[in-house]
Amino acid sequence: MENLWRLATGQDPNPEDYQGIQFWSNPERTGWLTKQGDYIKTWRRRYFVLKQGKLFWFKDPTTAASPSGVPRGVIPVSDCLTVKGAEDVLRKPSAFEISTPNSTMYFLADSDKEKEDWINSIGRAIVQHSRSLADNEVVDYDSSRR
């Protein structure tokens, strides 16, 4: 039933979002988080992998460790606007949110330390993969002063 819902709502990730990324090899961060569903607001425990500027989630670590594994979802961190704590919004401990221009996703970590570690890792990835100031967009403000 869940697979039909995911197909009907377009939640299945586009293969272009993960092809060529070996998420099973030397990821930047991995671990379990509980994620709130996008349309049906239930909470599901998923295994997350942060690699090459993308946050992938899987049903279990076995799928994430397999070269033939397909993620249940992908968030390109370059699309992320913020990653921050969300205990006050959700009224749940160890909660955090990731905001993109199109949505805000909510997550629960197993502890406050895990939450902070995920926020820091995702925050670093956002900075590393940000499109806001690419090298070719750097403006030399001194050259305009004459």
Protein backbone atom coordinates (compact mmCIF):
# COMPACT_ATOMS: atom_id res chain seq x y z
CA MET A 1 0.00 0.00 0.00
CA GLU A 2 2.80 2.41 0.90
CA ASN A 3 4.53 1.77 -2.45
CA LEU A 4 1.33 2.63 -4.32
CA TRP A 5 0.99 5.86 -2.32
CA ARG A 6 4.63 6.77 -2.99
CA LEU A 7 4.16 6.13 -6.71
CA ALA A 8 0.91 8.09 -6.89
CA THR A 9 2.34 11.11 -5.04
CA GLY A 10 5.68 11.12 -6.87
CA GLN A 11 7.70 10.44 -3.72
CA ASP A 12 9.96 7.86 -5.33
CA PRO A 13 13.34 9.47 -5.97
CA ASN A 14 14.40 10.18 -9.52
CA PRO A 15 17.31 7.86 -10.48
CA GLU A 16 19.19 10.96 -11.63
CA ASP A 17 19.25 12.05 -7.96
CA TYR A 18 21.43 9.11 -6.93
CA GLN A 19 23.06 7.55 -10.00
CA GLY A 20 26.83 7.59 -9.84
CA ILE A 21 26.90 8.18 -6.07
CA GLN A 22 28.29 5.25 -4.12
CA PHE A 23 26.34 5.98 -0.95
CA TRP A 24 27.46 2.62 0.49
CA SER A 25 31.17 3.58 0.33
CA ASN A 26 32.71 6.02 2.85
CA PRO A 27 29.64 8.16 3.58
CA GLU A 28 30.10 11.40 5.50
CA ARG A 29 27.47 10.36 8.06
CA THR A 30 25.04 7.49 8.57
CA GLY A 31 22.47 6.54 11.16
CA TRP A 32 18.88 6.05 12.16
CA LEU A 33 16.44 8.94 12.30
CA THR A 34 12.68 9.02 12.52
CA LYS A 35 11.20 11.05 9.66
CA GLN A 36 7.74 12.54 9.40
CA GLY A 37 5.96 11.63 6.17
CA ASP A 38 5.47 14.33 3.56
CA TYR A 39 1.77 13.76 2.93
CA ILE A 40 0.58 11.33 5.56
CA LYS A 41 2.09 12.80 8.73
CA THR A 42 3.08 9.51 10.33
CA TRP A 43 6.54 8.94 11.79
CA ARG A 44 8.77 6.23 10.31
CA ARG A 45 12.21 5.12 11.34
CA ARG A 46 14.62 5.24 8.40
CA TYR A 47 18.32 4.75 7.87
CA PHE A 48 19.99 7.93 6.57
CA VAL A 49 23.19 8.42 4.60
CA LEU A 50 24.82 11.80 3.94
CA LYS A 51 27.16 11.62 0.95
CA GLN A 52 28.35 14.00 -1.77
CA GLY A 53 25.91 16.75 -0.92
CA LYS A 54 22.84 14.54 -0.74
CA LEU A 55 20.89 13.13 2.18
CA PHE A 56 19.49 9.70 1.30
CA TRP A 57 17.13 7.57 3.33
CA PHE A 58 16.51 3.85 3.20
CA LYS A 59 14.24 1.39 4.92
CA ASP A 60 17.24 -0.34 6.51
CA PRO A 61 21.07 -0.31 6.52
CA THR A 62 21.25 -3.47 4.39
CA THR A 63 19.72 -1.61 1.45
CA ALA A 64 22.05 1.36 2.01
CA ALA A 65 25.09 -0.96 2.02
CA SER A 66 24.21 -2.55 -1.31
CA PRO A 67 25.40 -1.14 -4.67
CA SER A 68 22.00 -2.17 -6.08
CA GLY A 69 20.09 -0.49 -3.24
CA VAL A 70 17.61 2.23 -4.12
CA PRO A 71 16.98 5.05 -1.66
CA ARG A 72 13.44 5.79 -0.49
CA GLY A 73 14.16 9.49 -0.83
CA VAL A 74 16.87 12.07 -1.52
CA ILE A 75 17.36 15.66 -0.38
CA PRO A 76 20.04 17.60 -2.26
CA VAL A 77 21.64 19.74 0.45
CA SER A 78 22.24 22.51 -2.08
CA ASP A 79 18.44 22.99 -2.03
CA CYS A 80 18.38 23.37 1.77
CA LEU A 81 17.80 26.79 3.26
CA THR A 82 18.12 25.86 6.94
CA VAL A 83 18.73 22.96 9.28
CA LYS A 84 17.86 23.65 12.91
CA GLY A 85 16.33 22.29 16.08
CA ALA A 86 12.54 21.93 16.12
CA GLU A 87 11.63 20.81 19.64
CA ASP A 88 9.50 23.93 20.10
CA VAL A 89 7.57 23.29 16.85
CA LEU A 90 6.96 19.56 17.33
CA ARG A 91 7.00 19.42 21.13
CA LYS A 92 9.19 16.33 20.88
CA PRO A 93 12.73 15.86 22.22
CA SER A 94 15.71 15.70 19.83
CA ALA A 95 13.66 17.07 16.92
CA PHE A 96 15.10 19.03 14.01
CA GLU A 97 13.94 20.35 10.67
CA ILE A 98 15.36 20.81 7.20
CA SER A 99 13.78 23.57 5.12
CA THR A 100 13.92 23.82 1.33
CA PRO A 101 12.14 26.36 -0.89
CA ASN A 102 9.32 23.82 -1.37
CA SER A 103 8.90 22.18 2.02
CA THR A 104 9.99 21.69 5.61
CA MET A 105 10.82 18.15 6.71
CA TYR A 106 10.91 17.05 10.34
CA PHE A 107 13.17 14.46 11.95
CA LEU A 108 13.68 12.91 15.39
CA ALA A 109 17.11 11.75 16.52
CA ASP A 110 17.68 9.20 19.26
CA SER A 111 19.39 11.75 21.52
CA ASP A 112 20.22 15.45 21.71
CA LYS A 113 23.85 14.64 20.84
CA GLU A 114 22.74 12.73 17.72
CA LYS A 115 20.49 15.65 16.78
CA GLU A 116 23.36 18.14 17.12
CA ASP A 117 25.71 15.86 15.17
CA TRP A 118 23.22 15.56 12.30
CA ILE A 119 22.55 19.33 12.28
CA ASN A 120 26.31 20.02 12.19
CA SER A 121 26.99 17.46 9.44
CA ILE A 122 24.11 18.65 7.26
CA GLY A 123 25.05 22.29 7.93
CA ARG A 124 28.64 21.65 6.79
CA ALA A 125 27.34 19.89 3.67
CA ILE A 126 25.04 22.82 2.90
CA VAL A 127 27.98 25.22 3.07
CA GLN A 128 30.22 22.95 0.97
CA HIS A 129 27.57 22.41 -1.71
CA SER A 130 25.88 25.80 -1.66
CA ARG A 131 25.12 27.40 -4.99
CA SER A 132 24.66 30.80 -3.39
CA LEU A 133 28.22 31.97 -4.06
CA ALA A 134 29.99 29.84 -6.65
CA ASP A 135 33.60 30.63 -7.50
CA ASN A 136 32.64 32.26 -10.77
CA GLU A 137 30.17 34.56 -8.99
CA VAL A 138 32.72 36.18 -6.68
CA VAL A 139 32.60 39.94 -7.05
CA ASP A 140 35.72 42.01 -6.62
CA TYR A 141 34.34 45.05 -4.83
CA ASP A 142 37.73 46.77 -4.70
CA SER A 143 38.02 46.99 -8.50
CA SER A 144 34.90 49.22 -8.68
CA ARG A 145 36.42 51.84 -6.36
CA ARG A 146 38.26 54.48 -8.34
